[in-house]
C-alpha atoms as a PDB file:
ATOM      1  CA  MET A   1     234.787  31.383 158.792  1.00  0.00           C
ATOM      2  CA  ARG A   2     231.267  30.466 156.937  1.00  0.00           C
ATOM      3  CA  THR A   3     229.772  27.189 157.926  1.00  0.00           C
ATOM      4  CA  ASP A   4     230.700  25.378 154.453  1.00  0.00           C
ATOM      5  CA  GLN A   5     234.085  25.913 155.124  1.00  0.00           C
ATOM      6  CA  ILE A   6     233.648  24.480 158.953  1.00  0.00           C
ATOM      7  CA  LEU A   7     232.475  21.152 157.423  1.00  0.00           C
ATOM      8  CA  THR A   8     235.025  20.530 155.107  1.00  0.00           C
ATOM      9  CA  ARG A   9     237.879  21.487 157.314  1.00  0.00           C
ATOM     10  CA  LEU A  10     235.744  18.889 160.106  1.00  0.00           C
ATOM     11  CA  GLU A  11     235.418  16.540 156.719  1.00  0.00           C
ATOM     12  CA  ARG A  12     238.851  16.479 156.320  1.00  0.00           C
ATOM     13  CA  VAL A  13     239.839  16.011 159.870  1.00  0.00           C
ATOM     14  CA  PHE A  14     237.796  12.367 159.942  1.00  0.00           C
ATOM     15  CA  ALA A  15     239.379  10.993 156.915  1.00  0.00           C
ATOM     16  CA  ARG A  16     242.484  11.081 158.028  1.00  0.00           C
ATOM     17  CA  LEU A  17     241.171   9.328 161.364  1.00  0.00           C
ATOM     18  CA  ASP A  18     239.797   6.820 159.050  1.00  0.00           C
ATOM     19  CA  ARG A  19     243.057   5.830 157.835  1.00  0.00           C
ATOM     20  CA  GLU A  20     244.585   3.519 159.073  1.00  0.00           C
ATOM     21  CA  PRO A  21     248.479   4.214 158.498  1.00  0.00           C
ATOM     22  CA  GLU A  22     250.972   1.638 158.814  1.00  0.00           C
ATOM     23  CA  ARG A  23     254.476   1.824 161.134  1.00  0.00           C
ATOM     24  CA  PRO A  24     255.983   4.949 160.660  1.00  0.00           C
ATOM     25  CA  ALA A  25     259.397   4.562 158.607  1.00  0.00           C
ATOM     26  CA  HIS A  26     261.140   7.312 160.134  1.00  0.00           C
ATOM     27  CA  LEU A  27     260.110   6.320 164.081  1.00  0.00           C
ATOM     28  CA  GLN A  28     263.759   4.706 164.953  1.00  0.00           C
ATOM     29  CA  THR A  29     264.184   2.528 168.312  1.00  0.00           C
ATOM     30  CA  PRO A  30     266.473   4.888 170.926  1.00  0.00           C
ATOM     31  CA  GLN A  31     269.776   2.938 171.067  1.00  0.00           C
ATOM     32  CA  MET A  32     272.009   3.467 174.599  1.00  0.00           C
ATOM     33  CA  SER A  33     274.359   6.086 172.264  1.00  0.00           C
ATOM     34  CA  ARG A  34     277.287   7.265 174.329  1.00  0.00           C
ATOM     35  CA  HIS A  35     276.234  10.669 175.456  1.00  0.00           C
ATOM     36  CA  ARG A  36     273.058   8.647 177.017  1.00  0.00           C
ATOM     37  CA  VAL A  37     275.620   6.256 179.066  1.00  0.00           C
ATOM     38  CA  VAL A  38     277.587   9.221 179.788  1.00  0.00           C
ATOM     39  CA  LEU A  39     274.854  10.958 181.251  1.00  0.00           C
ATOM     40  CA  PHE A  40     273.232   7.332 183.076  1.00  0.00           C
ATOM     41  CA  GLY A  41     276.149   7.802 184.805  1.00  0.00           C
ATOM     42  CA  SER A  42     276.207  11.456 186.228  1.00  0.00           C
ATOM     43  CA  THR A  43     272.820  10.379 187.498  1.00  0.00           C
ATOM     44  CA  LEU A  44     273.864   7.340 188.801  1.00  0.00           C
ATOM     45  CA  ALA A  45     276.487   9.468 190.648  1.00  0.00           C
ATOM     46  CA  PHE A  46     274.410  11.763 192.423  1.00  0.00           C
ATOM     47  CA  TYR A  47     271.816   9.449 193.102  1.00  0.00           C
ATOM     48  CA  LEU A  48     274.222   7.680 195.305  1.00  0.00           C
ATOM     49  CA  ALA A  49     275.967  11.216 196.635  1.00  0.00           C
ATOM     50  CA  ILE A  50     272.505  11.849 197.860  1.00  0.00           C
ATOM     51  CA  VAL A  51     271.667   8.499 199.669  1.00  0.00           C
ATOM     52  CA  VAL A  52     275.226   9.157 201.400  1.00  0.00           C
ATOM     53  CA  ALA A  53     274.117  12.395 202.192  1.00  0.00           C
ATOM     54  CA  VAL A  54     270.836  11.480 204.302  1.00  0.00           C
ATOM     55  CA  LEU A  55     273.017   7.957 205.824  1.00  0.00           C
ATOM     56  CA  THR A  56     275.744  10.499 207.463  1.00  0.00           C
ATOM     57  CA  THR A  57     273.127  13.151 208.682  1.00  0.00           C
ATOM     58  CA  SER A  58     275.224  15.626 206.256  1.00  0.00           C
ATOM     59  CA  TRP A  59     274.243  19.652 205.344  1.00  0.00           C
ATOM     60  CA  LEU A  60     271.167  17.919 203.078  1.00  0.00           C
ATOM     61  CA  VAL A  61     269.434  16.498 206.416  1.00  0.00           C
ATOM     62  CA  ARG A  62     269.797  20.406 208.385  1.00  0.00           C
ATOM     63  CA  LEU A  63     268.850  22.108 204.846  1.00  0.00           C
ATOM     64  CA  ASP A  64     265.605  19.327 204.942  1.00  0.00           C
ATOM     65  CA  TRP A  65     264.950  20.511 208.723  1.00  0.00           C
ATOM     66  CA  GLN A  66     264.838  24.256 208.143  1.00  0.00           C
ATOM     67  CA  ILE A  67     262.628  23.836 204.896  1.00  0.00           C
ATOM     68  CA  MET A  68     260.355  21.610 206.943  1.00  0.00           C
ATOM     69  CA  PHE A  69     260.441  24.883 210.322  1.00  0.00           C
ATOM     70  CA  PHE A  70     259.533  27.399 207.451  1.00  0.00           C
ATOM     71  CA  ARG A  71     256.585  25.846 206.346  1.00  0.00           C
ATOM     72  CA  PRO A  72     255.956  27.189 203.029  1.00  0.00           C
ATOM     73  CA  TYR A  73     252.158  26.114 203.308  1.00  0.00           C
ATOM     74  CA  GLU A  74     251.874  28.934 206.155  1.00  0.00           C
ATOM     75  CA  GLN A  75     253.965  30.980 203.927  1.00  0.00           C
ATOM     76  CA  TRP A  76     252.083  31.553 200.529  1.00  0.00           C
ATOM     77  CA  PRO A  77     248.620  30.071 201.899  1.00  0.00           C
ATOM     78  CA  GLN A  78     246.476  30.961 198.113  1.00  0.00           C
ATOM     79  CA  LEU A  79     248.224  28.689 196.151  1.00  0.00           C
ATOM     80  CA  HIS A  80     247.382  25.908 198.469  1.00  0.00           C
ATOM     81  CA  ALA A  81     243.979  25.078 196.643  1.00  0.00           C
ATOM     82  CA  PHE A  82     245.880  24.993 193.378  1.00  0.00           C
ATOM     83  CA  LEU A  83     248.834  22.810 194.274  1.00  0.00           C
ATOM     84  CA  ASP A  84     246.544  20.346 196.004  1.00  0.00           C
ATOM     85  CA  TYR A  85     245.562  19.924 192.295  1.00  0.00           C
ATOM     86  CA  LEU A  86     248.540  19.904 190.473  1.00  0.00           C
ATOM     87  CA  VAL A  87     250.160  17.147 192.922  1.00  0.00           C
ATOM     88  CA  VAL A  88     247.929  14.902 191.330  1.00  0.00           C
ATOM     89  CA  LEU A  89     250.064  14.882 187.984  1.00  0.00           C
ATOM     90  CA  GLY A  90     252.016  12.751 190.382  1.00  0.00           C
ATOM     91  CA  GLN A  91     249.452  10.370 192.037  1.00  0.00           C
ATOM     92  CA  ARG A  92     250.819   6.727 189.789  1.00  0.00           C
ATOM     93  CA  GLY A  93     246.854   5.552 189.540  1.00  0.00           C
ATOM     94  CA  PRO A  94     245.472   9.014 187.574  1.00  0.00           C
ATOM     95  CA  THR A  95     248.714   9.557 185.253  1.00  0.00           C
ATOM     96  CA  ALA A  96     249.279   6.192 184.364  1.00  0.00           C
ATOM     97  CA  VAL A  97     245.283   5.730 182.905  1.00  0.00           C
ATOM     98  CA  MET A  98     245.987   9.174 181.032  1.00  0.00           C
ATOM     99  CA  VAL A  99     248.990   8.095 179.510  1.00  0.00           C
ATOM    100  CA  ALA A 100     247.930   4.687 178.889  1.00  0.00           C
ATOM    101  CA  ALA A 101     244.925   5.865 176.827  1.00  0.00           C
ATOM    102  CA  TRP A 102     247.226   8.397 174.962  1.00  0.00           C
ATOM    103  CA  LEU A 103     249.351   5.102 173.996  1.00  0.00           C
ATOM    104  CA  GLY A 104     246.703   2.384 173.431  1.00  0.00           C
ATOM    105  CA  TRP A 105     245.541   4.936 170.731  1.00  0.00           C
ATOM    106  CA  ARG A 106     248.943   4.775 169.234  1.00  0.00           C
ATOM    107  CA  SER A 107     249.013   1.600 169.250  1.00  0.00           C
ATOM    108  CA  TRP A 108     246.021   0.839 167.466  1.00  0.00           C
ATOM    109  CA  ARG A 109     246.766   3.715 164.848  1.00  0.00           C
ATOM    110  CA  GLN A 110     250.346   2.773 164.081  1.00  0.00           C
ATOM    111  CA  HIS A 111     249.544  -1.208 164.013  1.00  0.00           C
ATOM    112  CA  THR A 112     252.227  -1.837 166.832  1.00  0.00           C
ATOM    113  CA  LEU A 113     252.666  -2.241 170.573  1.00  0.00           C
ATOM    114  CA  ARG A 114     255.667  -0.790 171.717  1.00  0.00           C
ATOM    115  CA  PRO A 115     254.209   2.301 173.512  1.00  0.00           C
ATOM    116  CA  LEU A 116     252.308  -0.159 175.499  1.00  0.00           C
ATOM    117  CA  ILE A 117     254.251  -2.576 176.517  1.00  0.00           C
ATOM    118  CA  THR A 118     257.419   0.182 176.656  1.00  0.00           C
ATOM    119  CA  LEU A 119     254.779   1.812 179.534  1.00  0.00           C
ATOM    120  CA  GLY A 120     254.681  -1.267 181.276  1.00  0.00           C
ATOM    121  CA  VAL A 121     258.486  -2.106 181.385  1.00  0.00           C
ATOM    122  CA  ALA A 122     258.961   1.540 182.716  1.00  0.00           C
ATOM    123  CA  LEU A 123     256.116   0.877 185.361  1.00  0.00           C
ATOM    124  CA  LEU A 124     257.117  -2.340 186.883  1.00  0.00           C
ATOM    125  CA  LEU A 125     261.047  -0.617 186.822  1.00  0.00           C
ATOM    126  CA  LEU A 126     259.738   2.258 188.847  1.00  0.00           C
ATOM    127  CA  ASN A 127     257.882  -0.138 191.302  1.00  0.00           C
ATOM    128  CA  VAL A 128     260.723  -2.325 191.819  1.00  0.00           C
ATOM    129  CA  THR A 129     263.328  -0.112 192.235  1.00  0.00           C
ATOM    130  CA  VAL A 130     261.779   3.197 193.867  1.00  0.00           C
ATOM    131  CA  GLY A 131     259.752   0.587 196.169  1.00  0.00           C
ATOM    132  CA  SER A 132     262.835  -1.695 197.193  1.00  0.00           C
ATOM    133  CA  VAL A 133     264.802   1.886 198.548  1.00  0.00           C
ATOM    134  CA  LYS A 134     261.220   3.124 200.056  1.00  0.00           C
ATOM    135  CA  LEU A 135     260.828  -0.186 202.211  1.00  0.00           C
ATOM    136  CA  GLY A 136     264.555  -0.786 202.734  1.00  0.00           C
ATOM    137  CA  LEU A 137     265.738   2.864 204.467  1.00  0.00           C
ATOM    138  CA  GLY A 138     262.391   3.447 205.740  1.00  0.00           C
ATOM    139  CA  ARG A 139     262.324   6.937 206.397  1.00  0.00           C
ATOM    140  CA  LEU A 140     259.448   9.001 207.676  1.00  0.00           C
ATOM    141  CA  GLY A 141     258.142  12.201 206.643  1.00  0.00           C
ATOM    142  CA  PRO A 142     258.307  15.826 208.329  1.00  0.00           C
ATOM    143  CA  HIS A 143     254.609  15.058 209.171  1.00  0.00           C
ATOM    144  CA  TYR A 144     255.934  12.390 211.201  1.00  0.00           C
ATOM    145  CA  ALA A 145     258.796  13.294 212.110  1.00  0.00           C
ATOM    146  CA  THR A 146     260.230  12.903 215.854  1.00  0.00           C
ATOM    147  CA  GLU A 147     263.447  13.992 216.806  1.00  0.00           C
ATOM    148  CA  ILE A 148     265.174  16.996 215.423  1.00  0.00           C
ATOM    149  CA  GLY A 149     267.735  17.035 213.448  1.00  0.00           C
ATOM    150  CA  SER A 150     267.309  13.524 212.427  1.00  0.00           C
ATOM    151  CA  ALA A 151     267.803  11.428 209.154  1.00  0.00           C
ATOM    152  CA  GLU A 152     264.261   9.382 210.462  1.00  0.00           C
ATOM    153  CA  LEU A 153     265.823   6.398 208.397  1.00  0.00           C
ATOM    154  CA  PHE A 154     264.700   2.905 209.488  1.00  0.00           C
ATOM    155  CA  ALA A 155     262.025   3.533 211.101  1.00  0.00           C
ATOM    156  CA  GLY A 156     258.930   2.343 209.219  1.00  0.00           C
ATOM    157  CA  GLY A 157     258.362   5.244 206.272  1.00  0.00           C
ATOM    158  CA  ASP A 158     258.132   4.865 202.502  1.00  0.00           C
ATOM    159  CA  ILE A 159     259.182   8.435 201.842  1.00  0.00           C
ATOM    160  CA  PHE A 160     262.951   7.948 200.372  1.00  0.00           C
ATOM    161  CA  PRO A 161     262.565   9.026 197.848  1.00  0.00           C
ATOM    162  CA  SER A 162     259.504  10.589 196.558  1.00  0.00           C
ATOM    163  CA  GLY A 163     257.339   8.658 194.785  1.00  0.00           C
ATOM    164  CA  HIS A 164     254.925  11.340 193.533  1.00  0.00           C
ATOM    165  CA  THR A 165     258.138  13.036 191.891  1.00  0.00           C
ATOM    166  CA  ALA A 166     259.229   9.739 190.569  1.00  0.00           C
ATOM    167  CA  ASN A 167     256.005   8.720 189.064  1.00  0.00           C
ATOM    168  CA  ALA A 168     255.770  12.618 186.989  1.00  0.00           C
ATOM    169  CA  VAL A 169     259.088  11.860 185.433  1.00  0.00           C
ATOM    170  CA  VAL A 170     258.803   8.371 184.270  1.00  0.00           C
ATOM    171  CA  THR A 171     254.852   8.968 183.245  1.00  0.00           C
ATOM    172  CA  TRP A 172     255.257  12.401 181.553  1.00  0.00           C
ATOM    173  CA  GLY A 173     258.730  11.757 180.307  1.00  0.00           C
ATOM    174  CA  ILE A 174     257.940   8.166 178.565  1.00  0.00           C
ATOM    175  CA  LEU A 175     256.096  10.535 176.090  1.00  0.00           C
ATOM    176  CA  ALA A 176     259.106  12.138 175.217  1.00  0.00           C
ATOM    177  CA  TYR A 177     260.812   9.189 174.579  1.00  0.00           C
ATOM    178  CA  LEU A 178     258.272   7.469 172.601  1.00  0.00           C
ATOM    179  CA  ALA A 179     258.086  10.397 170.231  1.00  0.00           C
ATOM    180  CA  SER A 180     258.116  10.210 166.458  1.00  0.00           C
ATOM    181  CA  THR A 181     259.733  13.288 165.311  1.00  0.00           C
ATOM    182  CA  VAL A 182     263.050  15.205 166.688  1.00  0.00           C
ATOM    183  CA  VAL A 183     260.737  18.378 167.515  1.00  0.00           C
ATOM    184  CA  THR A 184     258.118  16.637 169.375  1.00  0.00           C
ATOM    185  CA  ARG A 185     260.353  14.674 171.771  1.00  0.00           C
ATOM    186  CA  ARG A 186     262.202  18.207 171.924  1.00  0.00           C
ATOM    187  CA  VAL A 187     258.752  19.842 173.006  1.00  0.00           C
ATOM    188  CA  LEU A 188     257.611  17.279 174.990  1.00  0.00           C
ATOM    189  CA  SER A 189     261.085  17.000 177.009  1.00  0.00           C
ATOM    190  CA  VAL A 190     260.514  20.130 178.181  1.00  0.00           C
ATOM    191  CA  VAL A 191     256.798  19.612 179.179  1.00  0.00           C
ATOM    192  CA  SER A 192     257.688  16.878 181.252  1.00  0.00           C
ATOM    193  CA  ALA A 193     260.421  18.602 182.844  1.00  0.00           C
ATOM    194  CA  VAL A 194     258.409  21.446 183.862  1.00  0.00           C
ATOM    195  CA  VAL A 195     255.768  18.763 185.234  1.00  0.00           C
ATOM    196  CA  SER A 196     257.649  16.943 187.163  1.00  0.00           C
ATOM    197  CA  LEU A 197     259.809  19.821 188.758  1.00  0.00           C
ATOM    198  CA  SER A 198     256.324  21.715 189.830  1.00  0.00           C
ATOM    199  CA  VAL A 199     254.940  18.091 191.370  1.00  0.00           C
ATOM    200  CA  GLY A 200     258.497  17.757 193.087  1.00  0.00           C
ATOM    201  CA  ALA A 201     258.050  21.344 194.261  1.00  0.00           C
ATOM    202  CA  THR A 202     254.797  21.138 195.330  1.00  0.00           C
ATOM    203  CA  THR A 203     255.301  18.107 197.894  1.00  0.00           C
ATOM    204  CA  VAL A 204     257.658  20.118 199.788  1.00  0.00           C
ATOM    205  CA  TYR A 205     255.513  23.153 199.620  1.00  0.00           C
ATOM    206  CA  LEU A 206     252.605  20.683 201.103  1.00  0.00           C
ATOM    207  CA  GLY A 207     254.933  19.134 204.129  1.00  0.00           C
ATOM    208  CA  THR A 208     254.675  15.576 202.562  1.00  0.00           C
ATOM    209  CA  HIS A 209     258.697  15.188 201.472  1.00  0.00           C
ATOM    210  CA  TRP A 210     261.870  16.107 202.121  1.00  0.00           C
ATOM    211  CA  VAL A 211     263.832  18.395 199.774  1.00  0.00           C
ATOM    212  CA  SER A 212     266.225  15.280 199.860  1.00  0.00           C
ATOM    213  CA  ASP A 213     263.180  12.949 199.071  1.00  0.00           C
ATOM    214  CA  VAL A 214     262.136  15.153 196.005  1.00  0.00           C
ATOM    215  CA  LEU A 215     265.756  14.984 194.640  1.00  0.00           C
ATOM    216  CA  LEU A 216     266.389  11.440 195.066  1.00  0.00           C
ATOM    217  CA  GLY A 217     263.020  11.217 193.203  1.00  0.00           C
ATOM    218  CA  TRP A 218     263.974  13.083 190.261  1.00  0.00           C
ATOM    219  CA  SER A 219     266.938  10.627 189.507  1.00  0.00           C
ATOM    220  CA  ALA A 220     265.384   7.779 190.321  1.00  0.00           C
ATOM    221  CA  GLY A 221     262.927   8.355 187.412  1.00  0.00           C
ATOM    222  CA  LEU A 222     266.050  10.134 184.955  1.00  0.00           C
ATOM    223  CA  LEU A 223     268.248   6.729 185.544  1.00  0.00           C
ATOM    224  CA  ILE A 224     264.381   4.520 184.521  1.00  0.00           C
ATOM    225  CA  LEU A 225     264.225   6.674 181.121  1.00  0.00           C
ATOM    226  CA  LEU A 226     268.142   6.772 180.397  1.00  0.00           C
ATOM    227  CA  ALA A 227     268.135   2.946 181.048  1.00  0.00           C
ATOM    228  CA  LEU A 228     265.099   1.941 178.859  1.00  0.00           C
ATOM    229  CA  PRO A 229     267.102   1.345 175.541  1.00  0.00           C
ATOM    230  CA  TRP A 230     268.781  -1.351 177.078  1.00  0.00           C
ATOM    231  CA  PHE A 231     265.295  -2.788 177.297  1.00  0.00           C
ATOM    232  CA  GLU A 232     264.325  -2.438 174.009  1.00  0.00           C
ATOM    233  CA  PRO A 233     265.205  -6.220 172.606  1.00  0.00           C
ATOM    234  CA  LEU A 234     263.219  -7.775 175.401  1.00  0.00           C
ATOM    235  CA  ILE A 235     260.077  -5.435 174.247  1.00  0.00           C
ATOM    236  CA  ALA A 236     260.763  -6.026 170.651  1.00  0.00           C
ATOM    237  CA  ARG A 237     260.518  -9.940 171.736  1.00  0.00           C
ATOM    238  CA  ALA A 238     257.583  -9.361 173.747  1.00  0.00           C
ATOM    239  CA  GLU A 239     255.094  -8.119 170.882  1.00  0.00           C
ATOM    240  CA  ALA A 240     256.215 -10.213 168.491  1.00  0.00           C
ATOM    241  CA  TYR A 241     255.338 -12.878 170.828  1.00  0.00           C
ATOM    242  CA  VAL A 242     251.595 -11.116 171.258  1.00  0.00           C
ATOM    243  CA  PHE A 243     251.036 -11.095 167.503  1.00  0.00           C
ATOM    244  CA  ASP A 244     252.587 -14.895 167.335  1.00  0.00           C
ATOM    245  CA  LEU A 245     249.759 -15.760 169.646  1.00  0.00           C
ATOM    246  CA  ARG A 246     247.023 -13.511 168.324  1.00  0.00           C
ATOM    247  CA  GLU A 247     247.416 -15.453 164.900  1.00  0.00           C
ATOM    248  CA  LEU A 248     247.717 -18.934 166.390  1.00  0.00           C
ATOM    249  CA  LEU A 249     244.738 -18.127 168.088  1.00  0.00           C
ATOM    250  CA  ARG A 250     242.791 -17.100 165.059  1.00  0.00           C
ATOM    251  CA  ARG A 251     244.186 -19.988 163.546  1.00  0.00           C
ATOM    252  CA  ARG A 252     242.889 -22.142 165.570  1.00  0.00           C
ATOM    253  CA  ALA A 253     239.462 -20.317 165.559  1.00  0.00           C
ATOM    254  CA  GLU A 254     239.034 -21.150 161.726  1.00  0.00           C
ATOM    255  CA  THR A 255     240.361 -24.497 161.632  1.00  0.00           C
ATOM    256  CA  GLY A 256     237.844 -25.043 164.663  1.00  0.00           C
ATOM    257  CA  ARG A 257     240.047 -26.909 167.126  1.00  0.00           C
ATOM    258  CA  MET A 258     238.457 -24.441 169.916  1.00  0.00           C
ATOM    259  CA  PRO A 259     235.458 -25.018 172.092  1.00  0.00           C
ATOM    260  CA  ALA A 260     233.179 -22.624 171.337  1.00  0.00           C
ATOM    261  CA  PRO A 261     232.873 -20.671 174.634  1.00  0.00           C
ATOM    262  CA  VAL A 262     236.554 -19.884 173.412  1.00  0.00           C
ATOM    263  CA  VAL A 263     235.656 -19.070 170.174  1.00  0.00           C
ATOM    264  CA  SER A 264     232.930 -16.613 170.597  1.00  0.00           C
ATOM    265  CA  ALA A 265     235.080 -14.605 172.998  1.00  0.00           C
ATOM    266  CA  LEU A 266     237.446 -14.382 170.596  1.00  0.00           C
ATOM    267  CA  THR A 267     235.830 -13.454 167.437  1.00  0.00           C
ATOM    268  CA  PRO A 268     235.752 -10.091 168.399  1.00  0.00           C
ATOM    269  CA  LEU A 269     239.511  -9.338 169.240  1.00  0.00           C
ATOM    270  CA  LEU A 270     240.424 -11.473 166.100  1.00  0.00           C
ATOM    271  CA  SER A 271     238.053 -10.302 163.713  1.00  0.00           C
ATOM    272  CA  ALA A 272     240.301  -7.413 162.491  1.00  0.00           C
ATOM    273  CA  GLY A 273     237.889  -4.760 162.142  1.00  0.00           C
ATOM    274  CA  GLY A 274     235.342  -6.593 161.599  1.00  0.00           C
ATOM    275  CA  LYS A 275     236.094  -8.460 158.413  1.00  0.00           C
ATOM    276  CA  TRP A 276     237.197 -11.725 159.636  1.00  0.00           C
ATOM    277  CA  ARG A 277     234.431 -14.346 160.220  1.00  0.00           C
ATOM    278  CA  LEU A 278     234.736 -17.741 161.223  1.00  0.00           C
ATOM    279  CA  GLU A 279     232.946 -20.193 158.302  1.00  0.00           C
ATOM    280  CA  PRO A 280     229.637 -22.393 159.001  1.00  0.00           C
ATOM    281  CA  ALA A 281     231.590 -25.472 158.710  1.00  0.00           C
ATOM    282  CA  ALA A 282     234.406 -24.566 161.641  1.00  0.00           C
ATOM    283  CA  ALA A 283     232.095 -22.706 163.599  1.00  0.00           C
ATOM    284  CA  GLN A 284     229.791 -25.790 163.343  1.00  0.00           C
ATOM    285  CA  ALA A 285     233.206 -28.173 164.098  1.00  0.00           C
ATOM    286  CA  ALA A 286     234.169 -25.793 167.170  1.00  0.00           C
ATOM    287  CA  ALA A 287     230.795 -26.172 168.672  1.00  0.00           C
ATOM    288  CA  GLU A 288     230.788 -30.040 168.706  1.00  0.00           C
ATOM    289  CA  PRO A 289     231.999 -31.646 171.871  1.00  0.00           C
ATOM    290  CA  ALA A 290     235.349 -33.223 171.926  1.00  0.00           C
ATOM    291  CA  PRO A 291     234.993 -36.790 172.037  1.00  0.00           C
ATOM    292  CA  ALA A 292     235.750 -38.310 175.918  1.00  0.00           C
ATOM    293  CA  VAL A 293     239.165 -39.899 176.489  1.00  0.00           C
ATOM    294  CA  PRO A 294     239.278 -43.068 178.463  1.00  0.00           C
ATOM    295  CA  ALA A 295     241.246 -42.994 181.383  1.00  0.00           C
ATOM    296  CA  ALA A 296     244.225 -44.911 182.213  1.00  0.00           C
ATOM    297  CA  GLY A 297     243.858 -48.363 182.482  1.00  0.00           C
ATOM    298  CA  HIS A 298     240.270 -48.352 181.461  1.00  0.00           C
ATOM    299  CA  THR A 299     239.574 -50.529 178.522  1.00  0.00           C
ATOM    300  CA  PRO A 300     236.716 -49.484 176.829  1.00  0.00           C
ATOM    301  CA  ALA A 301     233.880 -51.980 176.735  1.00  0.00           C
ATOM    302  CA  PRO A 302     233.281 -53.246 172.902  1.00  0.00           C
ATOM    303  CA  ARG A 303     230.409 -51.588 171.051  1.00  0.00           C
ATOM    304  CA  PRO A 304     227.958 -54.142 169.819  1.00  0.00           C
ATOM    305  CA  ALA A 305     227.773 -54.375 166.349  1.00  0.00           C
ATOM    306  CA  PRO A 306     224.749 -53.153 164.165  1.00  0.00           C
ATOM    307  CA  LEU A 307     221.470 -55.043 162.920  1.00  0.00           C
ATOM    308  CA  LEU A 308     221.899 -55.817 159.533  1.00  0.00           C
ATOM    309  CA  THR A 309     218.958 -56.884 157.315  1.00  0.00           C
ATOM    310  CA  GLY A 310     218.233 -57.377 154.007  1.00  0.00           C
ATOM    311  CA  ARG A 311     215.268 -55.422 153.665  1.00  0.00           C
ATOM    312  CA  PRO A 312     214.619 -52.197 153.225  1.00  0.00           C
ATOM    313  CA  HIS A 313     214.304 -50.165 156.358  1.00  0.00           C
ATOM    314  CA  LEU A 314     211.039 -48.462 156.403  1.00  0.00           C
ATOM    315  CA  ILE A 315     209.709 -45.561 158.014  1.00  0.00           C
ATOM    316  CA  ARG A 316     206.567 -45.614 160.071  1.00  0.00           C
ATOM    317  CA  SER A 317     204.354 -44.010 157.966  1.00  0.00           C
ATOM    318  CA  GLU A 318     205.056 -46.743 154.871  1.00  0.00           C
ATOM    319  CA  ARG A 319     204.381 -49.910 157.425  1.00  0.00           C
ATOM    320  CA  THR A 320     200.821 -51.677 157.078  1.00  0.00           C
ATOM    321  CA  PRO A 321     198.704 -51.071 160.901  1.00  0.00           C
ATOM    322  CA  VAL A 322     198.586 -53.821 163.058  1.00  0.00           C
ATOM    323  CA  THR A 323     196.103 -54.130 165.670  1.00  0.00           C
ATOM    324  CA  PRO A 324     197.886 -54.815 168.805  1.00  0.00           C
ATOM    325  CA  ALA A 325     197.618 -58.733 170.388  1.00  0.00           C
ATOM    326  CA  GLY A 326     195.180 -58.776 173.226  1.00  0.00           C
ATOM    327  CA  SER A 327     192.771 -55.304 171.585  1.00  0.00           C
ATOM    328  CA  ARG A 328     189.224 -56.080 172.821  1.00  0.00           C
ATOM    329  CA  ARG A 329     187.830 -54.102 169.913  1.00  0.00           C
ATOM    330  CA  PRO A 330     187.544 -55.746 166.385  1.00  0.00           C
ATOM    331  CA  ALA A 331     189.684 -55.643 163.212  1.00  0.00           C
ATOM    332  CA  HIS A 332     187.984 -53.058 160.931  1.00  0.00           C
ATOM    333  CA  GLY A 333     186.592 -55.701 158.454  1.00  0.00           C
ATOM    334  CA  GLU A 334     184.217 -56.919 161.681  1.00  0.00           C
ATOM    335  CA  ARG A 335     183.483 -53.490 162.364  1.00  0.00           C
ATOM    336  CA  THR A 336     182.017 -52.771 159.210  1.00  0.00           C
ATOM    337  CA  ALA A 337     180.444 -55.954 158.790  1.00  0.00           C
ATOM    338  CA  ALA A 338     178.372 -54.762 162.080  1.00  0.00           C
ATOM    339  CA  ARG A 339     177.990 -51.474 161.018  1.00  0.00           C
ATOM    340  CA  SER A 340     176.172 -53.051 157.505  1.00  0.00           C
ATOM    341  CA  ALA A 341     174.241 -55.477 159.328  1.00  0.00           C
ATOM    342  CA  SER A 342     172.565 -52.722 161.791  1.00  0.00           C
ATOM    343  CA  ALA A 343     171.755 -50.801 159.166  1.00  0.00           C
ATOM    344  CA  ARG A 344     169.731 -53.494 157.015  1.00  0.00           C
ATOM    345  CA  PRO A 345     165.686 -53.123 158.226  1.00  0.00           C
ATOM    346  CA  VAL A 346     164.438 -56.056 160.083  1.00  0.00           C
ATOM    347  CA  ALA A 347     161.966 -58.667 157.425  1.00  0.00           C
ATOM    348  CA  GLY A 348     159.092 -60.793 158.609  1.00  0.00           C
ATOM    349  CA  GLY A 349     156.841 -60.043 161.370  1.00  0.00           C
END
């Protein structure tokens, strides 16, 4: 491929990026359909079954101990270095930053805050639901187990359900949930499923979680994704509130009803790409300090009326110079006469 062809294609790509498309008309908000309700109910039943199985120290707890004694990290040590990096895809901080950056770019291009608000709602639900169960059950991990065959519950731990697994399901699944086309949603659903399954299996390999922790983490993350359509009205109201607040701040800044420091801080945010600017009169009015408000119960003293005279007010340059009273220096006329007298020759002998 020649250089001119490459440059032509790059110009086309940047031309598409420079456009500001409107909100996609084909983008539909997911609804809580009957199929989704059935999936939500089935996943909730599976979630409760795992919790009951662990609470009753059933066969699932025995499976946890068998895999722990198997020690997968010793059976396949060559995978340890790679899986140490793979498990980062389930950590809250790095994944949230990466996904938020992508969704922020989408929000800017599509002129909508729905992607970012949806991510915030999903992470909030994740922290509340998973965090409360973790602290409530207090299960210890395999490396800190104290009694063989025990479920290790109510011992001050915080690993049940697996936070890495639930976070991987929610963080990467939100991309599929917010996809604008059916094909993209299916592809991203497969990718998020592979990533979440890999992260969960990696935590079992490293010995940081029991198998039951991972199963409950998958269920917890899937429940949050399936329940998001119930929060769509709340997300829409939050988006409308943010845009209304932005418009209100813009109007106040234009009319000069906002303090100058606030106007200078909000001007880059409200300028809509640098096209909007404060008018000089509005900026001057915004910079003027507001009049002082007297305290309650305090009557301000009346200000004296200005002295009005019939004569016009003269500026300093138009006034007649006057010799100050008590000056030792003679007047101008006397000084002139004295100089003239001293300049004449003295007559007579």
